[in-house]
Amino acid sequence: MHHSKLPIASKCEPTAVMVEEGKTYAWCTCGLTEKPPFCDASHKVCWTEDEEGNAIKHFVSKKFTAEKTEEVWLCNCKQTSTPPFCDDSHHGAKQKVADGSLVQKH
């Protein structure tokens, strides 16, 4: 998939996840993962190269370390302004999927 068509929404609702204090997690930023909301490195398929052969990484995972053991809500629509955490942007993302301005993974 071409990077200009990303990110895609894996779904238009968040996922509740129990995180452990001190553990680092990798949140998917592109929507191509088979393990939402976590990254499985699928973003590498849309990397390109510059003239010197260096990778241009259009998407990479968003790593975060849990400050405490608790349940958090992680974004799946990729529209959040507080990544990786849900900020209720999925409500607007549903309309974007309906009007075709956001692709949802099926």
PDB file of N, CA and C in Angstrom:
ATOM      1  N   MET A   1       0.847  -1.181   0.000  1.00  0.00           N
ATOM      2  CA  MET A   1       0.000   0.000   0.000  1.00  0.00           C
ATOM      3  C   MET A   1       0.888   1.239   0.000  1.00  0.00           C
ATOM      4  N   HIS A   2       0.526   2.219  -0.784  1.00  0.00           N
ATOM      5  CA  HIS A   2       1.295   3.459  -0.845  1.00  0.00           C
ATOM      6  C   HIS A   2       1.076   4.265   0.424  1.00  0.00           C
ATOM      7  N   HIS A   3       2.147   4.863   0.943  1.00  0.00           N
ATOM      8  CA  HIS A   3       2.075   5.604   2.205  1.00  0.00           C
ATOM      9  C   HIS A   3       1.089   6.761   2.170  1.00  0.00           C
ATOM     10  N   SER A   4       0.770   7.300   1.002  1.00  0.00           N
ATOM     11  CA  SER A   4      -0.165   8.425   0.941  1.00  0.00           C
ATOM     12  C   SER A   4      -1.594   8.007   1.271  1.00  0.00           C
ATOM     13  N   LYS A   5      -1.876   6.719   1.245  1.00  0.00           N
ATOM     14  CA  LYS A   5      -3.203   6.214   1.579  1.00  0.00           C
ATOM     15  C   LYS A   5      -3.308   5.826   3.055  1.00  0.00           C
ATOM     16  N   LEU A   6      -2.268   6.091   3.823  1.00  0.00           N
ATOM     17  CA  LEU A   6      -2.232   5.737   5.235  1.00  0.00           C
ATOM     18  C   LEU A   6      -2.304   6.994   6.089  1.00  0.00           C
ATOM     19  N   PRO A   7      -2.688   6.932   7.335  1.00  0.00           N
ATOM     20  CA  PRO A   7      -3.034   5.707   8.027  1.00  0.00           C
ATOM     21  C   PRO A   7      -4.445   5.245   7.697  1.00  0.00           C
ATOM     22  N   ILE A   8      -4.693   3.986   7.976  1.00  0.00           N
ATOM     23  CA  ILE A   8      -6.042   3.457   7.862  1.00  0.00           C
ATOM     24  C   ILE A   8      -6.528   3.105   9.263  1.00  0.00           C
ATOM     25  N   ALA A   9      -7.813   3.124   9.442  1.00  0.00           N
ATOM     26  CA  ALA A   9      -8.402   2.797  10.740  1.00  0.00           C
ATOM     27  C   ALA A   9      -8.603   1.297  10.825  1.00  0.00           C
ATOM     28  N   SER A  10      -8.019   0.672  11.852  1.00  0.00           N
ATOM     29  CA  SER A  10      -8.264  -0.759  12.019  1.00  0.00           C
ATOM     30  C   SER A  10      -9.705  -0.981  12.479  1.00  0.00           C
ATOM     31  N   LYS A  11     -10.215  -0.045  13.231  1.00  0.00           N
ATOM     32  CA  LYS A  11     -11.637   0.017  13.570  1.00  0.00           C
ATOM     33  C   LYS A  11     -11.902   1.380  14.177  1.00  0.00           C
ATOM     34  N   CYS A  12     -13.136   1.782  14.200  1.00  0.00           N
ATOM     35  CA  CYS A  12     -13.494   3.114  14.694  1.00  0.00           C
ATOM     36  C   CYS A  12     -13.994   3.059  16.130  1.00  0.00           C
ATOM     37  N   GLU A  13     -13.205   2.410  16.953  1.00  0.00           N
ATOM     38  CA  GLU A  13     -13.447   2.376  18.387  1.00  0.00           C
ATOM     39  C   GLU A  13     -12.135   1.995  19.058  1.00  0.00           C
ATOM     40  N   PRO A  14     -11.923   2.430  20.297  1.00  0.00           N
ATOM     41  CA  PRO A  14     -10.673   2.117  20.978  1.00  0.00           C
ATOM     42  C   PRO A  14     -10.655   0.685  21.512  1.00  0.00           C
ATOM     43  N   THR A  15      -9.474   0.254  21.925  1.00  0.00           N
ATOM     44  CA  THR A  15      -9.300  -1.050  22.554  1.00  0.00           C
ATOM     45  C   THR A  15      -8.816  -0.837  23.980  1.00  0.00           C
ATOM     46  N   ALA A  16      -9.490  -1.472  24.933  1.00  0.00           N
ATOM     47  CA  ALA A  16      -9.052  -1.426  26.331  1.00  0.00           C
ATOM     48  C   ALA A  16      -7.911  -2.417  26.508  1.00  0.00           C
ATOM     49  N   VAL A  17      -6.821  -1.943  27.091  1.00  0.00           N
ATOM     50  CA  VAL A  17      -5.632  -2.772  27.288  1.00  0.00           C
ATOM     51  C   VAL A  17      -5.137  -2.584  28.716  1.00  0.00           C
ATOM     52  N   MET A  18      -4.806  -3.693  29.374  1.00  0.00           N
ATOM     53  CA  MET A  18      -4.185  -3.618  30.692  1.00  0.00           C
ATOM     54  C   MET A  18      -2.675  -3.530  30.471  1.00  0.00           C
ATOM     55  N   VAL A  19      -2.082  -2.407  30.864  1.00  0.00           N
ATOM     56  CA  VAL A  19      -0.639  -2.223  30.711  1.00  0.00           C
ATOM     57  C   VAL A  19       0.032  -2.390  32.075  1.00  0.00           C
ATOM     58  N   GLU A  20       1.300  -2.786  32.024  1.00  0.00           N
ATOM     59  CA  GLU A  20       2.069  -3.022  33.239  1.00  0.00           C
ATOM     60  C   GLU A  20       3.098  -1.916  33.440  1.00  0.00           C
ATOM     61  N   GLU A  21       3.179  -1.415  34.655  1.00  0.00           N
ATOM     62  CA  GLU A  21       4.128  -0.357  34.992  1.00  0.00           C
ATOM     63  C   GLU A  21       5.538  -0.727  34.542  1.00  0.00           C
ATOM     64  N   GLY A  22       6.182   0.211  33.841  1.00  0.00           N
ATOM     65  CA  GLY A  22       7.555   0.020  33.407  1.00  0.00           C
ATOM     66  C   GLY A  22       7.724  -0.745  32.109  1.00  0.00           C
ATOM     67  N   LYS A  23       6.666  -1.356  31.598  1.00  0.00           N
ATOM     68  CA  LYS A  23       6.759  -2.119  30.352  1.00  0.00           C
ATOM     69  C   LYS A  23       6.556  -1.182  29.158  1.00  0.00           C
ATOM     70  N   THR A  24       7.350  -1.403  28.101  1.00  0.00           N
ATOM     71  CA  THR A  24       7.256  -0.588  26.896  1.00  0.00           C
ATOM     72  C   THR A  24       6.408  -1.300  25.850  1.00  0.00           C
ATOM     73  N   TYR A  25       5.530  -0.534  25.212  1.00  0.00           N
ATOM     74  CA  TYR A  25       4.606  -1.045  24.202  1.00  0.00           C
ATOM     75  C   TYR A  25       4.831  -0.284  22.900  1.00  0.00           C
ATOM     76  N   ALA A  26       4.516  -0.923  21.787  1.00  0.00           N
ATOM     77  CA  ALA A  26       4.644  -0.293  20.472  1.00  0.00           C
ATOM     78  C   ALA A  26       3.254  -0.223  19.838  1.00  0.00           C
ATOM     79  N   TRP A  27       2.734   0.984  19.714  1.00  0.00           N
ATOM     80  CA  TRP A  27       1.406   1.232  19.158  1.00  0.00           C
ATOM     81  C   TRP A  27       1.528   1.427  17.648  1.00  0.00           C
ATOM     82  N   CYS A  28       0.616   0.839  16.913  1.00  0.00           N
ATOM     83  CA  CYS A  28       0.598   0.940  15.449  1.00  0.00           C
ATOM     84  C   CYS A  28       0.147   2.339  15.030  1.00  0.00           C
ATOM     85  N   THR A  29       0.923   2.959  14.144  1.00  0.00           N
ATOM     86  CA  THR A  29       0.569   4.288  13.640  1.00  0.00           C
ATOM     87  C   THR A  29      -0.027   4.248  12.232  1.00  0.00           C
ATOM     88  N   CYS A  30       0.182   3.128  11.513  1.00  0.00           N
ATOM     89  CA  CYS A  30      -0.240   3.079  10.104  1.00  0.00           C
ATOM     90  C   CYS A  30      -1.587   2.396   9.887  1.00  0.00           C
ATOM     91  N   GLY A  31      -1.963   1.496  10.783  1.00  0.00           N
ATOM     92  CA  GLY A  31      -3.219   0.770  10.639  1.00  0.00           C
ATOM     93  C   GLY A  31      -3.101  -0.532   9.869  1.00  0.00           C
ATOM     94  N   LEU A  32      -1.910  -0.894   9.412  1.00  0.00           N
ATOM     95  CA  LEU A  32      -1.738  -2.123   8.639  1.00  0.00           C
ATOM     96  C   LEU A  32      -1.542  -3.368   9.507  1.00  0.00           C
ATOM     97  N   THR A  33      -1.300  -3.194  10.778  1.00  0.00           N
ATOM     98  CA  THR A  33      -1.013  -4.307  11.672  1.00  0.00           C
ATOM     99  C   THR A  33      -2.120  -5.362  11.686  1.00  0.00           C
ATOM    100  N   GLU A  34      -1.717  -6.578  11.917  1.00  0.00           N
ATOM    101  CA  GLU A  34      -2.673  -7.670  12.106  1.00  0.00           C
ATOM    102  C   GLU A  34      -2.974  -7.865  13.591  1.00  0.00           C
ATOM    103  N   LYS A  35      -2.359  -7.047  14.452  1.00  0.00           N
ATOM    104  CA  LYS A  35      -2.515  -7.174  15.905  1.00  0.00           C
ATOM    105  C   LYS A  35      -2.914  -5.848  16.543  1.00  0.00           C
ATOM    106  N   PRO A  36      -3.943  -5.167  16.023  1.00  0.00           N
ATOM    107  CA  PRO A  36      -4.289  -3.854  16.571  1.00  0.00           C
ATOM    108  C   PRO A  36      -4.637  -3.938  18.057  1.00  0.00           C
ATOM    109  N   PRO A  37      -4.283  -2.951  18.830  1.00  0.00           N
ATOM    110  CA  PRO A  37      -3.697  -1.672  18.452  1.00  0.00           C
ATOM    111  C   PRO A  37      -2.165  -1.675  18.419  1.00  0.00           C
ATOM    112  N   PHE A  38      -1.552  -2.853  18.554  1.00  0.00           N
ATOM    113  CA  PHE A  38      -0.093  -2.916  18.633  1.00  0.00           C
ATOM    114  C   PHE A  38       0.560  -3.111  17.269  1.00  0.00           C
ATOM    115  N   CYS A  39       1.771  -2.614  17.160  1.00  0.00           N
ATOM    116  CA  CYS A  39       2.547  -2.684  15.920  1.00  0.00           C
ATOM    117  C   CYS A  39       3.086  -4.092  15.695  1.00  0.00           C
ATOM    118  N   ASP A  40       3.038  -4.541  14.443  1.00  0.00           N
ATOM    119  CA  ASP A  40       3.679  -5.807  14.054  1.00  0.00           C
ATOM    120  C   ASP A  40       4.689  -5.579  12.923  1.00  0.00           C
ATOM    121  N   ALA A  41       5.113  -4.329  12.741  1.00  0.00           N
ATOM    122  CA  ALA A  41       6.098  -3.900  11.738  1.00  0.00           C
ATOM    123  C   ALA A  41       5.567  -3.929  10.305  1.00  0.00           C
ATOM    124  N   SER A  42       4.264  -4.009  10.124  1.00  0.00           N
ATOM    125  CA  SER A  42       3.690  -3.975   8.774  1.00  0.00           C
ATOM    126  C   SER A  42       3.968  -2.660   8.057  1.00  0.00           C
ATOM    127  N   HIS A  43       4.246  -1.601   8.812  1.00  0.00           N
ATOM    128  CA  HIS A  43       4.526  -0.293   8.218  1.00  0.00           C
ATOM    129  C   HIS A  43       5.728  -0.319   7.276  1.00  0.00           C
ATOM    130  N   LYS A  44       6.591  -1.292   7.428  1.00  0.00           N
ATOM    131  CA  LYS A  44       7.804  -1.362   6.598  1.00  0.00           C
ATOM    132  C   LYS A  44       7.484  -1.573   5.117  1.00  0.00           C
ATOM    133  N   VAL A  45       6.299  -2.104   4.805  1.00  0.00           N
ATOM    134  CA  VAL A  45       5.951  -2.336   3.394  1.00  0.00           C
ATOM    135  C   VAL A  45       5.767  -1.031   2.625  1.00  0.00           C
ATOM    136  N   CYS A  46       5.553   0.071   3.319  1.00  0.00           N
ATOM    137  CA  CYS A  46       5.356   1.344   2.616  1.00  0.00           C
ATOM    138  C   CYS A  46       6.573   2.258   2.708  1.00  0.00           C
ATOM    139  N   TRP A  47       7.682   1.772   3.263  1.00  0.00           N
ATOM    140  CA  TRP A  47       8.907   2.572   3.268  1.00  0.00           C
ATOM    141  C   TRP A  47       9.425   2.690   1.842  1.00  0.00           C
ATOM    142  N   THR A  48      10.001   3.821   1.523  1.00  0.00           N
ATOM    143  CA  THR A  48      10.602   4.034   0.213  1.00  0.00           C
ATOM    144  C   THR A  48      12.072   4.390   0.422  1.00  0.00           C
ATOM    145  N   GLU A  49      12.784   4.638  -0.664  1.00  0.00           N
ATOM    146  CA  GLU A  49      14.198   5.005  -0.573  1.00  0.00           C
ATOM    147  C   GLU A  49      14.453   6.337  -1.255  1.00  0.00           C
ATOM    148  N   ASP A  50      15.422   7.064  -0.708  1.00  0.00           N
ATOM    149  CA  ASP A  50      15.839   8.300  -1.363  1.00  0.00           C
ATOM    150  C   ASP A  50      16.891   7.968  -2.436  1.00  0.00           C
ATOM    151  N   GLU A  51      17.458   8.999  -3.065  1.00  0.00           N
ATOM    152  CA  GLU A  51      18.414   8.800  -4.152  1.00  0.00           C
ATOM    153  C   GLU A  51      19.652   8.014  -3.727  1.00  0.00           C
ATOM    154  N   GLU A  52      20.039   8.119  -2.444  1.00  0.00           N
ATOM    155  CA  GLU A  52      21.221   7.416  -1.945  1.00  0.00           C
ATOM    156  C   GLU A  52      20.908   6.014  -1.424  1.00  0.00           C
ATOM    157  N   GLY A  53      19.650   5.603  -1.519  1.00  0.00           N
ATOM    158  CA  GLY A  53      19.265   4.277  -1.040  1.00  0.00           C
ATOM    159  C   GLY A  53      18.923   4.205   0.433  1.00  0.00           C
ATOM    160  N   ASN A  54      18.796   5.368   1.083  1.00  0.00           N
ATOM    161  CA  ASN A  54      18.419   5.405   2.493  1.00  0.00           C
ATOM    162  C   ASN A  54      16.908   5.259   2.635  1.00  0.00           C
ATOM    163  N   ALA A  55      16.503   4.501   3.628  1.00  0.00           N
ATOM    164  CA  ALA A  55      15.074   4.283   3.851  1.00  0.00           C
ATOM    165  C   ALA A  55      14.388   5.567   4.292  1.00  0.00           C
ATOM    166  N   ILE A  56      13.247   5.851   3.673  1.00  0.00           N
ATOM    167  CA  ILE A  56      12.377   6.939   4.107  1.00  0.00           C
ATOM    168  C   ILE A  56      11.237   6.257   4.853  1.00  0.00           C
ATOM    169  N   LYS A  57      11.219   6.457   6.147  1.00  0.00           N
ATOM    170  CA  LYS A  57      10.266   5.768   7.020  1.00  0.00           C
ATOM    171  C   LYS A  57       9.028   6.639   7.206  1.00  0.00           C
ATOM    172  N   HIS A  58       8.040   6.421   6.355  1.00  0.00           N
ATOM    173  CA  HIS A  58       6.822   7.226   6.400  1.00  0.00           C
ATOM    174  C   HIS A  58       6.028   6.965   7.674  1.00  0.00           C
ATOM    175  N   PHE A  59       6.086   5.740   8.165  1.00  0.00           N
ATOM    176  CA  PHE A  59       5.416   5.364   9.414  1.00  0.00           C
ATOM    177  C   PHE A  59       6.348   4.495  10.236  1.00  0.00           C
ATOM    178  N   VAL A  60       6.351   4.707  11.537  1.00  0.00           N
ATOM    179  CA  VAL A  60       7.062   3.862  12.496  1.00  0.00           C
ATOM    180  C   VAL A  60       6.137   3.704  13.702  1.00  0.00           C
ATOM    181  N   SER A  61       6.413   2.711  14.514  1.00  0.00           N
ATOM    182  CA  SER A  61       5.576   2.516  15.698  1.00  0.00           C
ATOM    183  C   SER A  61       5.765   3.668  16.683  1.00  0.00           C
ATOM    184  N   LYS A  62       4.775   3.881  17.510  1.00  0.00           N
ATOM    185  CA  LYS A  62       4.838   4.873  18.595  1.00  0.00           C
ATOM    186  C   LYS A  62       5.050   4.080  19.876  1.00  0.00           C
ATOM    187  N   LYS A  63       6.268   4.157  20.405  1.00  0.00           N
ATOM    188  CA  LYS A  63       6.573   3.414  21.625  1.00  0.00           C
ATOM    189  C   LYS A  63       6.205   4.258  22.841  1.00  0.00           C
ATOM    190  N   PHE A  64       5.673   3.573  23.861  1.00  0.00           N
ATOM    191  CA  PHE A  64       5.380   4.253  25.117  1.00  0.00           C
ATOM    192  C   PHE A  64       5.609   3.280  26.266  1.00  0.00           C
ATOM    193  N   THR A  65       5.981   3.824  27.403  1.00  0.00           N
ATOM    194  CA  THR A  65       6.220   3.024  28.598  1.00  0.00           C
ATOM    195  C   THR A  65       5.121   3.349  29.601  1.00  0.00           C
ATOM    196  N   ALA A  66       4.490   2.317  30.105  1.00  0.00           N
ATOM    197  CA  ALA A  66       3.396   2.498  31.066  1.00  0.00           C
ATOM    198  C   ALA A  66       3.947   3.069  32.374  1.00  0.00           C
ATOM    199  N   GLU A  67       3.319   4.132  32.839  1.00  0.00           N
ATOM    200  CA  GLU A  67       3.737   4.760  34.088  1.00  0.00           C
ATOM    201  C   GLU A  67       3.239   3.996  35.301  1.00  0.00           C
ATOM    202  N   LYS A  68       2.135   3.269  35.117  1.00  0.00           N
ATOM    203  CA  LYS A  68       1.607   2.437  36.199  1.00  0.00           C
ATOM    204  C   LYS A  68       0.795   1.312  35.586  1.00  0.00           C
ATOM    205  N   THR A  69       0.529   0.303  36.376  1.00  0.00           N
ATOM    206  CA  THR A  69      -0.303  -0.802  35.926  1.00  0.00           C
ATOM    207  C   THR A  69      -1.752  -0.345  35.987  1.00  0.00           C
ATOM    208  N   GLU A  70      -2.382  -0.340  34.828  1.00  0.00           N
ATOM    209  CA  GLU A  70      -3.754   0.140  34.744  1.00  0.00           C
ATOM    210  C   GLU A  70      -4.354  -0.213  33.388  1.00  0.00           C
ATOM    211  N   GLU A  71      -5.655  -0.043  33.277  1.00  0.00           N
ATOM    212  CA  GLU A  71      -6.321  -0.204  31.990  1.00  0.00           C
ATOM    213  C   GLU A  71      -6.276   1.128  31.261  1.00  0.00           C
ATOM    214  N   VAL A  72      -5.856   1.088  29.998  1.00  0.00           N
ATOM    215  CA  VAL A  72      -5.852   2.289  29.159  1.00  0.00           C
ATOM    216  C   VAL A  72      -6.639   1.985  27.890  1.00  0.00           C
ATOM    217  N   TRP A  73      -7.092   3.033  27.245  1.00  0.00           N
ATOM    218  CA  TRP A  73      -7.836   2.898  25.995  1.00  0.00           C
ATOM    219  C   TRP A  73      -6.946   3.392  24.859  1.00  0.00           C
ATOM    220  N   LEU A  74      -6.577   2.470  23.964  1.00  0.00           N
ATOM    221  CA  LEU A  74      -5.687   2.807  22.856  1.00  0.00           C
ATOM    222  C   LEU A  74      -6.490   3.012  21.579  1.00  0.00           C
ATOM    223  N   CYS A  75      -6.087   4.026  20.833  1.00  0.00           N
ATOM    224  CA  CYS A  75      -6.764   4.426  19.607  1.00  0.00           C
ATOM    225  C   CYS A  75      -6.562   3.396  18.492  1.00  0.00           C
ATOM    226  N   ASN A  76      -7.593   3.141  17.733  1.00  0.00           N
ATOM    227  CA  ASN A  76      -7.532   2.294  16.537  1.00  0.00           C
ATOM    228  C   ASN A  76      -7.849   3.070  15.263  1.00  0.00           C
ATOM    229  N   CYS A  77      -8.454   4.249  15.403  1.00  0.00           N
ATOM    230  CA  CYS A  77      -8.855   5.003  14.213  1.00  0.00           C
ATOM    231  C   CYS A  77      -7.721   5.865  13.659  1.00  0.00           C
ATOM    232  N   LYS A  78      -6.660   6.049  14.447  1.00  0.00           N
ATOM    233  CA  LYS A  78      -5.469   6.815  14.064  1.00  0.00           C
ATOM    234  C   LYS A  78      -5.736   8.311  13.899  1.00  0.00           C
ATOM    235  N   GLN A  79      -6.830   8.790  14.448  1.00  0.00           N
ATOM    236  CA  GLN A  79      -7.186  10.208  14.357  1.00  0.00           C
ATOM    237  C   GLN A  79      -6.965  10.945  15.674  1.00  0.00           C
ATOM    238  N   THR A  80      -6.527  10.261  16.708  1.00  0.00           N
ATOM    239  CA  THR A  80      -6.345  10.861  18.023  1.00  0.00           C
ATOM    240  C   THR A  80      -5.301  11.975  18.021  1.00  0.00           C
ATOM    241  N   SER A  81      -5.508  12.971  18.855  1.00  0.00           N
ATOM    242  CA  SER A  81      -4.512  14.027  19.031  1.00  0.00           C
ATOM    243  C   SER A  81      -3.623  13.725  20.235  1.00  0.00           C
ATOM    244  N   THR A  82      -3.863  12.572  20.884  1.00  0.00           N
ATOM    245  CA  THR A  82      -3.088  12.172  22.060  1.00  0.00           C
ATOM    246  C   THR A  82      -2.553  10.747  21.901  1.00  0.00           C
ATOM    247  N   PRO A  83      -1.849  10.466  20.783  1.00  0.00           N
ATOM    248  CA  PRO A  83      -1.398   9.097  20.530  1.00  0.00           C
ATOM    249  C   PRO A  83      -0.481   8.579  21.642  1.00  0.00           C
ATOM    250  N   PRO A  84      -0.652   7.353  22.024  1.00  0.00           N
ATOM    251  CA  PRO A  84      -1.469   6.291  21.444  1.00  0.00           C
ATOM    252  C   PRO A  84      -2.868   6.199  22.054  1.00  0.00           C
ATOM    253  N   PHE A  85      -3.188   7.149  22.925  1.00  0.00           N
ATOM    254  CA  PHE A  85      -4.418   7.050  23.700  1.00  0.00           C
ATOM    255  C   PHE A  85      -5.632   7.631  22.971  1.00  0.00           C
ATOM    256  N   CYS A  86      -6.762   7.018  23.174  1.00  0.00           N
ATOM    257  CA  CYS A  86      -8.011   7.470  22.573  1.00  0.00           C
ATOM    258  C   CYS A  86      -8.415   8.822  23.152  1.00  0.00           C
ATOM    259  N   ASP A  87      -8.871   9.712  22.289  1.00  0.00           N
ATOM    260  CA  ASP A  87      -9.418  10.997  22.722  1.00  0.00           C
ATOM    261  C   ASP A  87     -10.837  11.205  22.183  1.00  0.00           C
ATOM    262  N   ASP A  88     -11.486  10.105  21.824  1.00  0.00           N
ATOM    263  CA  ASP A  88     -12.856  10.090  21.279  1.00  0.00           C
ATOM    264  C   ASP A  88     -12.942  10.580  19.837  1.00  0.00           C
ATOM    265  N   SER A  89     -11.804  10.696  19.155  1.00  0.00           N
ATOM    266  CA  SER A  89     -11.820  11.092  17.741  1.00  0.00           C
ATOM    267  C   SER A  89     -12.516  10.070  16.861  1.00  0.00           C
ATOM    268  N   HIS A  90     -12.685   8.841  17.358  1.00  0.00           N
ATOM    269  CA  HIS A  90     -13.334   7.803  16.551  1.00  0.00           C
ATOM    270  C   HIS A  90     -14.771   8.171  16.195  1.00  0.00           C
ATOM    271  N   HIS A  91     -15.381   9.039  16.973  1.00  0.00           N
ATOM    272  CA  HIS A  91     -16.747   9.464  16.628  1.00  0.00           C
ATOM    273  C   HIS A  91     -16.731  10.204  15.289  1.00  0.00           C
ATOM    274  N   GLY A  92     -15.758  11.098  15.094  1.00  0.00           N
ATOM    275  CA  GLY A  92     -15.609  11.797  13.821  1.00  0.00           C
ATOM    276  C   GLY A  92     -15.051  10.891  12.737  1.00  0.00           C
ATOM    277  N   ALA A  93     -14.242   9.906  13.141  1.00  0.00           N
ATOM    278  CA  ALA A  93     -13.650   8.984  12.169  1.00  0.00           C
ATOM    279  C   ALA A  93     -14.726   8.158  11.478  1.00  0.00           C
ATOM    280  N   LYS A  94     -15.781   7.827  12.184  1.00  0.00           N
ATOM    281  CA  LYS A  94     -16.881   7.066  11.566  1.00  0.00           C
ATOM    282  C   LYS A  94     -17.466   7.828  10.379  1.00  0.00           C
ATOM    283  N   GLN A  95     -17.598   9.143  10.513  1.00  0.00           N
ATOM    284  CA  GLN A  95     -18.104   9.957   9.412  1.00  0.00           C
ATOM    285  C   GLN A  95     -17.090  10.015   8.281  1.00  0.00           C
ATOM    286  N   LYS A  96     -15.791  10.083   8.620  1.00  0.00           N
ATOM    287  CA  LYS A  96     -14.746  10.109   7.595  1.00  0.00           C
ATOM    288  C   LYS A  96     -14.740   8.807   6.792  1.00  0.00           C
ATOM    289  N   VAL A  97     -14.979   7.684   7.458  1.00  0.00           N
ATOM    290  CA  VAL A  97     -15.067   6.402   6.756  1.00  0.00           C
ATOM    291  C   VAL A  97     -16.285   6.420   5.838  1.00  0.00           C
ATOM    292  N   ALA A  98     -17.399   6.939   6.342  1.00  0.00           N
ATOM    293  CA  ALA A  98     -18.630   6.987   5.553  1.00  0.00           C
ATOM    294  C   ALA A  98     -18.478   7.860   4.308  1.00  0.00           C
ATOM    295  N   ASP A  99     -17.742   8.984   4.434  1.00  0.00           N
ATOM    296  CA  ASP A  99     -17.600   9.866   3.268  1.00  0.00           C
ATOM    297  C   ASP A  99     -16.372   9.548   2.411  1.00  0.00           C
ATOM    298  N   GLY A 100     -15.608   8.531   2.814  1.00  0.00           N
ATOM    299  CA  GLY A 100     -14.489   8.070   2.004  1.00  0.00           C
ATOM    300  C   GLY A 100     -13.165   8.771   2.235  1.00  0.00           C
ATOM    301  N   SER A 101     -13.100   9.697   3.192  1.00  0.00           N
ATOM    302  CA  SER A 101     -11.838  10.398   3.441  1.00  0.00           C
ATOM    303  C   SER A 101     -10.912   9.642   4.394  1.00  0.00           C
ATOM    304  N   LEU A 102     -11.394   8.537   4.968  1.00  0.00           N
ATOM    305  CA  LEU A 102     -10.590   7.662   5.803  1.00  0.00           C
ATOM    306  C   LEU A 102     -10.913   6.226   5.452  1.00  0.00           C
ATOM    307  N   VAL A 103      -9.892   5.425   5.220  1.00  0.00           N
ATOM    308  CA  VAL A 103     -10.096   4.019   4.874  1.00  0.00           C
ATOM    309  C   VAL A 103     -10.104   3.207   6.148  1.00  0.00           C
ATOM    310  N   GLN A 104     -11.074   2.296   6.261  1.00  0.00           N
ATOM    311  CA  GLN A 104     -11.129   1.382   7.390  1.00  0.00           C
ATOM    312  C   GLN A 104     -10.762  -0.011   6.933  1.00  0.00           C
ATOM    313  N   LYS A 105      -9.906  -0.673   7.687  1.00  0.00           N
ATOM    314  CA  LYS A 105      -9.464  -2.029   7.377  1.00  0.00           C
ATOM    315  C   LYS A 105     -10.632  -2.976   7.529  1.00  0.00           C
ATOM    316  N   HIS A 106     -10.747  -3.909   6.610  1.00  0.00           N
ATOM    317  CA  HIS A 106     -11.853  -4.875   6.679  1.00  0.00           C
ATOM    318  C   HIS A 106     -11.345  -6.263   6.935  1.00  0.00           C
TER     319      HIS A 106
END
